[in-house]
N, C-alpha and C. Protein backbone atom coordinates (compact mmCIF):
# COMPACT_ATOMS: atom_id res chain seq x y z
N MET A 1 -14.90 -10.39 9.51
CA MET A 1 -13.74 -9.85 9.03
C MET A 1 -14.20 -10.66 7.87
N GLU A 2 -14.19 -11.25 7.31
CA GLU A 2 -15.13 -12.12 6.05
C GLU A 2 -16.32 -11.08 5.40
N LYS A 3 -16.46 -10.54 6.14
CA LYS A 3 -17.87 -9.60 5.46
C LYS A 3 -17.00 -8.04 4.36
N LEU A 4 -15.82 -8.09 5.77
CA LEU A 4 -15.09 -6.89 5.73
C LEU A 4 -14.08 -7.06 4.18
N TRP A 5 -13.34 -8.23 4.78
CA TRP A 5 -12.59 -8.99 2.86
C TRP A 5 -13.90 -8.76 1.72
N GLN A 6 -14.78 -9.86 1.93
CA GLN A 6 -15.79 -9.41 1.45
C GLN A 6 -16.24 -7.87 0.23
N GLN A 7 -16.61 -6.98 1.21
CA GLN A 7 -16.38 -5.28 0.50
C GLN A 7 -15.32 -5.22 0.45
N SER A 8 -14.04 -4.62 0.16
CA SER A 8 -12.20 -4.78 -0.48
C SER A 8 -12.72 -5.64 -1.09
N ALA A 9 -12.61 -6.43 -1.65
CA ALA A 9 -12.69 -7.46 -2.47
C ALA A 9 -13.82 -6.23 -4.00
N SER A 10 -15.04 -6.33 -3.24
CA SER A 10 -16.07 -5.43 -4.15
C SER A 10 -15.71 -4.27 -4.36
N VAL A 11 -15.10 -3.52 -3.69
CA VAL A 11 -14.39 -2.62 -4.15
C VAL A 11 -12.94 -2.13 -4.91
N ALA A 12 -12.87 -3.27 -4.94
CA ALA A 12 -11.13 -2.96 -5.34
C ALA A 12 -11.72 -2.97 -7.39
N ARG A 13 -12.82 -4.14 -7.20
CA ARG A 13 -12.99 -4.30 -8.78
C ARG A 13 -13.59 -3.29 -8.96
N THR A 14 -13.76 -2.43 -8.42
CA THR A 14 -14.54 -1.45 -9.55
C THR A 14 -13.66 -0.03 -9.79
N GLN A 15 -12.41 -0.20 -8.88
CA GLN A 15 -11.77 0.70 -9.09
C GLN A 15 -10.30 0.63 -9.96
N GLU A 16 -9.71 1.17 -10.32
CA GLU A 16 -8.59 1.11 -11.06
C GLU A 16 -7.30 0.76 -10.09
N ALA A 17 -6.05 -0.04 -10.20
CA ALA A 17 -4.77 -0.60 -10.03
C ALA A 17 -3.96 0.46 -9.30
N LYS A 18 -3.77 0.73 -8.35
CA LYS A 18 -2.67 1.51 -8.16
C LYS A 18 -1.66 0.51 -6.90
N THR A 19 -0.38 1.07 -7.53
CA THR A 19 0.45 0.38 -6.47
C THR A 19 1.67 0.93 -5.61
N THR A 20 1.54 2.73 -6.28
CA THR A 20 2.77 3.18 -5.68
C THR A 20 2.53 4.09 -5.25
N LEU A 21 3.73 3.79 -4.89
CA LEU A 21 3.27 4.62 -2.86
C LEU A 21 4.20 5.93 -3.22
N CYS A 22 4.01 7.23 -2.04
CA CYS A 22 5.02 8.10 -1.96
C CYS A 22 5.93 8.10 -1.09
N THR A 23 6.82 6.96 -1.22
CA THR A 23 7.59 7.01 -0.23
C THR A 23 8.86 8.01 -0.44
N THR A 24 9.26 6.73 -1.85
CA THR A 24 10.91 7.57 -2.02
C THR A 24 10.87 9.16 -1.78
N ARG A 25 10.29 9.88 -2.10
CA ARG A 25 10.21 11.54 -1.78
C ARG A 25 10.45 11.26 -0.54
N LEU A 26 9.40 10.56 0.63
CA LEU A 26 9.72 10.68 1.61
C LEU A 26 10.53 11.18 2.56
N GLU A 27 11.09 9.60 2.25
CA GLU A 27 12.74 8.96 2.78
C GLU A 27 13.72 9.81 2.05
N ILE A 28 13.93 10.22 0.97
CA ILE A 28 15.02 11.45 0.22
C ILE A 28 15.28 13.09 1.15
N ARG A 29 13.18 13.52 1.11
CA ARG A 29 13.38 14.22 1.84
C ARG A 29 12.93 14.60 3.23
N ILE A 30 12.93 13.47 3.47
CA ILE A 30 12.45 13.81 5.05
C ILE A 30 12.65 14.91 5.81
N ASN A 31 13.79 15.74 5.64
CA ASN A 31 13.76 17.04 6.52
C ASN A 31 12.82 17.86 5.95
N SER A 32 12.96 17.96 4.98
CA SER A 32 12.14 19.00 4.44
C SER A 32 10.25 19.05 4.07
N HIS A 33 9.66 20.64 5.74
CA HIS A 33 8.63 19.93 5.82
C HIS A 33 7.46 20.27 4.62
N LEU A 34 7.89 20.98 3.73
CA LEU A 34 6.96 21.13 2.69
C LEU A 34 6.54 19.88 1.72
N ILE A 35 7.76 19.24 1.58
CA ILE A 35 7.78 17.88 0.71
C ILE A 35 6.37 16.92 1.38
N VAL A 36 7.31 16.53 2.62
CA VAL A 36 6.18 16.12 3.37
C VAL A 36 5.06 16.73 3.22
N SER A 37 4.65 17.49 3.32
CA SER A 37 3.11 17.79 3.32
C SER A 37 2.06 17.53 2.51
N GLU A 38 2.98 17.55 0.78
CA GLU A 38 2.94 17.53 -0.62
C GLU A 38 2.39 16.08 -0.46
N CYS A 39 3.86 15.07 0.22
CA CYS A 39 3.24 13.82 0.56
C CYS A 39 1.81 13.26 1.13
N VAL A 40 1.78 14.03 1.66
CA VAL A 40 0.97 14.03 3.18
C VAL A 40 -0.45 13.23 2.25
N GLN A 41 -0.52 14.46 1.87
CA GLN A 41 -2.35 14.11 0.34
C GLN A 41 -2.18 12.97 -0.33
N GLN A 42 -0.83 12.39 -0.13
CA GLN A 42 -1.11 11.36 -1.54
C GLN A 42 -0.75 9.98 -0.85
N ILE A 43 -0.51 10.13 0.70
CA ILE A 43 -0.58 9.10 1.20
C ILE A 43 -1.73 8.18 1.99
N GLN A 44 -2.96 9.63 2.23
CA GLN A 44 -3.71 9.49 2.31
C GLN A 44 -4.87 8.76 1.22
N GLN A 45 -4.55 8.28 -0.19
CA GLN A 45 -5.17 8.07 -0.90
C GLN A 45 -5.26 5.98 -0.31
N THR A 46 -6.29 6.07 -1.14
CA THR A 46 -5.65 4.47 -1.07
C THR A 46 -5.35 3.33 -1.85
N THR A 47 -4.44 2.44 -1.73
CA THR A 47 -4.05 1.15 -2.62
C THR A 47 -4.99 0.37 -2.96
N ILE A 48 -4.89 0.64 -4.28
CA ILE A 48 -5.79 -0.60 -4.79
C ILE A 48 -5.02 -1.72 -5.40
N VAL A 49 -5.84 -3.44 -5.17
CA VAL A 49 -4.64 -3.76 -5.80
C VAL A 49 -5.79 -4.91 -6.76
N HIS A 50 -5.42 -5.96 -7.47
CA HIS A 50 -6.57 -6.66 -7.43
C HIS A 50 -7.02 -6.71 -6.30
N THR A 51 -7.01 -7.39 -5.29
CA THR A 51 -8.12 -8.19 -4.39
C THR A 51 -8.46 -9.28 -4.15
N LEU A 52 -8.40 -10.33 -4.66
CA LEU A 52 -9.18 -10.95 -5.29
C LEU A 52 -8.30 -12.65 -4.22
N CYS A 53 -7.61 -12.23 -3.43
CA CYS A 53 -7.12 -13.29 -2.51
C CYS A 53 -7.43 -12.39 -1.10
N ARG A 54 -7.06 -13.31 0.38
CA ARG A 54 -7.34 -12.19 1.21
C ARG A 54 -6.47 -11.45 1.74
N LYS A 55 -5.35 -12.61 1.88
CA LYS A 55 -3.50 -12.03 2.34
C LYS A 55 -3.01 -10.34 1.43
N CYS A 56 -4.04 -10.57 0.09
CA CYS A 56 -3.40 -8.77 0.09
C CYS A 56 -4.44 -7.62 0.12
N VAL A 57 -6.24 -8.40 0.59
CA VAL A 57 -6.80 -7.44 1.14
C VAL A 57 -6.49 -7.11 2.80
N GLU A 58 -5.62 -7.75 3.77
CA GLU A 58 -5.46 -7.83 4.67
C GLU A 58 -4.38 -6.44 4.80
N LYS A 59 -3.46 -7.41 3.75
CA LYS A 59 -1.99 -6.17 3.59
C LYS A 59 -2.47 -5.43 3.38
N GLU A 60 -3.37 -4.31 2.44
CA GLU A 60 -4.12 -3.08 2.06
C GLU A 60 -4.66 -2.74 3.42
N MET A 61 -5.12 -3.03 4.25
CA MET A 61 -5.78 -2.39 5.56
C MET A 61 -4.43 -1.90 6.34
N GLU A 62 -3.22 -2.79 5.84
CA GLU A 62 -2.00 -2.53 7.11
C GLU A 62 -1.77 -1.17 6.26
N ILE A 63 -1.44 -0.99 5.03
CA ILE A 63 -1.15 -0.05 4.35
C ILE A 63 -1.75 0.93 5.02
N ALA A 64 -2.91 1.31 4.29
CA ALA A 64 -4.12 1.72 5.46
C ALA A 64 -3.54 2.57 6.91
N THR A 65 -3.74 1.73 7.11
CA THR A 65 -3.19 1.40 9.06
C THR A 65 -1.69 2.62 9.46
N LEU A 66 -0.64 2.51 8.22
CA LEU A 66 0.47 2.57 8.25
C LEU A 66 0.62 4.18 7.61
N ARG A 67 -0.23 4.11 6.78
CA ARG A 67 -0.69 6.24 6.47
C ARG A 67 -0.90 6.72 7.11
N ARG A 68 -2.12 5.94 8.32
CA ARG A 68 -3.29 7.15 8.77
C ARG A 68 -1.81 7.29 9.94
N THR A 69 -1.02 6.88 10.19
CA THR A 69 -0.09 6.85 11.30
C THR A 69 0.74 8.00 11.07
N MET A 70 1.56 7.90 9.32
CA MET A 70 1.97 8.91 9.01
C MET A 70 1.77 10.40 9.09
N VAL A 71 0.06 10.07 8.97
CA VAL A 71 -0.70 11.47 8.91
C VAL A 71 -0.43 11.75 10.63
N LYS A 72 -1.24 11.64 11.24
CA LYS A 72 -1.19 11.95 12.42
C LYS A 72 0.73 11.73 12.98
N MET A 73 1.53 11.63 12.67
CA MET A 73 3.14 11.87 12.96
C MET A 73 3.33 13.22 11.98
N HIS A 74 3.67 12.98 10.90
CA HIS A 74 3.35 15.12 10.48
C HIS A 74 2.99 15.92 11.39
N ASP A 75 1.99 16.00 12.32
CA ASP A 75 1.72 17.16 13.27
C ASP A 75 2.88 16.94 14.75
N ASP A 76 3.35 16.40 15.07
CA ASP A 76 4.21 16.35 15.57
C ASP A 76 6.05 15.85 15.17
N GLU A 77 6.79 17.09 14.58
CA GLU A 77 7.89 17.35 13.96
C GLU A 77 8.69 15.92 14.75
N LYS A 78 8.59 16.15 15.77
CA LYS A 78 9.88 14.71 16.59
C LYS A 78 9.58 13.45 15.81
N ALA A 79 8.25 12.90 16.70
CA ALA A 79 8.23 11.80 16.39
C ALA A 79 8.15 11.54 15.09
N MET A 80 7.80 12.41 13.50
CA MET A 80 8.51 12.28 12.74
C MET A 80 9.82 12.02 11.64
N LYS A 81 10.33 12.96 12.53
CA LYS A 81 11.75 12.24 12.24
C LYS A 81 12.62 10.97 12.55
N LYS A 82 11.76 10.63 14.26
CA LYS A 82 12.49 9.80 14.07
C LYS A 82 11.83 7.98 13.85
N ASN A 83 10.09 8.56 13.58
CA ASN A 83 9.85 7.02 13.20
C ASN A 83 9.50 7.19 12.07
N MET A 84 9.93 7.88 10.84
CA MET A 84 9.23 7.65 10.01
C MET A 84 9.51 7.00 8.94
N ASN A 85 11.50 6.57 8.84
CA ASN A 85 11.53 5.84 8.19
C ASN A 85 11.16 4.31 8.51
N LEU A 86 10.74 4.41 9.62
CA LEU A 86 10.53 3.09 10.34
C LEU A 86 9.15 2.48 9.75
N VAL A 87 7.65 3.64 10.08
CA VAL A 87 6.83 4.04 9.12
C VAL A 87 6.82 2.74 7.40
N ILE A 88 7.84 3.50 6.97
CA ILE A 88 8.24 3.86 5.01
C ILE A 88 8.54 2.61 4.63
N SER A 89 9.85 1.52 5.88
CA SER A 89 10.39 1.01 5.24
C SER A 89 8.70 -0.53 5.61
N ARG A 90 8.56 -0.05 6.35
CA ARG A 90 7.37 -1.17 6.70
C ARG A 90 5.76 -1.37 5.72
N ILE A 91 5.72 0.29 4.71
CA ILE A 91 4.82 0.16 4.28
C ILE A 91 5.65 -0.91 2.11
N ARG A 92 6.96 -0.13 2.33
CA ARG A 92 7.82 -0.99 1.46
C ARG A 92 8.32 -2.03 1.64
N ILE A 93 7.65 -2.65 2.95
CA ILE A 93 7.79 -4.10 2.60
C ILE A 93 6.18 -5.29 2.73
N VAL A 94 5.18 -4.36 3.41
CA VAL A 94 4.25 -4.88 2.76
C VAL A 94 3.33 -4.49 0.95
N THR A 95 4.46 -3.02 0.84
CA THR A 95 3.89 -3.17 -1.24
C THR A 95 4.70 -4.64 -1.76
N ALA A 96 5.75 -4.82 -0.98
CA ALA A 96 6.94 -5.78 -2.16
C ALA A 96 5.72 -7.03 -1.88
N MET A 97 4.96 -7.41 -0.79
CA MET A 97 4.57 -8.55 -0.31
C MET A 97 3.24 -8.29 -1.54
N ILE A 98 2.58 -7.45 -1.69
CA ILE A 98 1.55 -7.58 -2.50
C ILE A 98 1.78 -7.55 -4.09
N ASP A 99 3.04 -6.63 -4.27
CA ASP A 99 3.57 -7.48 -5.73
C ASP A 99 3.86 -8.88 -6.07
N ILE A 100 4.18 -9.46 -4.98
CA ILE A 100 4.30 -10.89 -4.92
C ILE A 100 3.49 -11.42 -5.55
N GLU A 101 2.12 -11.01 -4.36
CA GLU A 101 0.56 -12.16 -4.58
C GLU A 101 0.76 -11.91 -5.89
N ASN A 102 0.55 -10.60 -6.65
CA ASN A 102 -0.05 -10.17 -7.97
C ASN A 102 0.62 -10.90 -8.57
N ARG A 103 2.22 -11.26 -8.86
CA ARG A 103 3.23 -11.70 -9.63
C ARG A 103 2.83 -13.34 -10.11
N ILE A 104 1.87 -13.97 -8.15
CA ILE A 104 1.82 -15.18 -8.05
C ILE A 104 0.34 -15.13 -8.35
N HIS A 105 -0.39 -14.59 -7.98
CA HIS A 105 -1.81 -15.02 -9.19
C HIS A 105 -1.37 -14.82 -10.47
N LYS A 106 -0.72 -13.89 -11.02
CA LYS A 106 -0.74 -13.31 -12.55
C LYS A 106 -0.17 -14.86 -12.97
N GLU A 107 0.43 -15.04 -12.63
CA GLU A 107 1.14 -16.52 -12.77
C GLU A 107 0.18 -17.50 -12.81
N GLY A 108 -0.43 -17.39 -12.18
CA GLY A 108 -1.39 -18.60 -12.01
C GLY A 108 -2.63 -18.50 -12.86
N GLU A 109 -3.10 -17.63 -13.35
CA GLU A 109 -3.44 -17.19 -14.23
C GLU A 109 -3.72 -17.57 -16.01
N GLU A 110 -2.27 -17.58 -16.12
CA GLU A 110 -1.74 -17.56 -17.65
C GLU A 110 -1.05 -18.60 -17.20
N LYS A 111 -0.83 -19.87 -15.89
CA LYS A 111 -1.20 -21.32 -16.51
C LYS A 111 -2.70 -22.23 -17.01
N LYS A 112 -3.19 -21.01 -16.44
CA LYS A 112 -4.81 -21.58 -16.42
C LYS A 112 -5.51 -21.92 -17.87
N ASN A 113 -4.82 -19.77 -18.80
CA ASN A 113 -4.94 -19.72 -19.87
C ASN A 113 -3.79 -20.74 -20.89
N THR A 114 -2.97 -21.39 -20.84
CA THR A 114 -2.55 -21.97 -21.20
C THR A 114 -2.94 -23.16 -21.25
N ILE A 115 -2.87 -22.77 -23.26
CA ILE A 115 -2.68 -24.52 -23.72
C ILE A 115 -2.18 -25.16 -24.03
N TYR A 116 -1.45 -26.51 -23.16
CA TYR A 116 -0.27 -28.07 -24.03
C TYR A 116 -1.07 -28.56 -25.23
N LEU A 117 0.07 -28.88 -26.23
CA LEU A 117 -0.22 -29.63 -27.52
C LEU A 117 0.72 -30.55 -27.61
């Protein structure tokens, strides 16, 4: 796990930060097969955050797993309608957790760079 974390962290440092997901359109137009097809391509992209801490890397891996689940469900229409909202909700929760971690890291860096007189 440690080795995987180090690899993910080094990859993340070389790529641009992206935290937006295509979940809103999926949720709003869940019954529109065409729109879901559009979104599946975006779902397959990885979400890269700062990943300087182990927690965020683990959350990133969870989001990647959830996205793969959504792609698999896309082939089965009944499963998609039944479970898509659950997967979308979980992705939103994990993304929110990453955003919180990002804010904590940013605040920590600002405190380190602040000079108190």
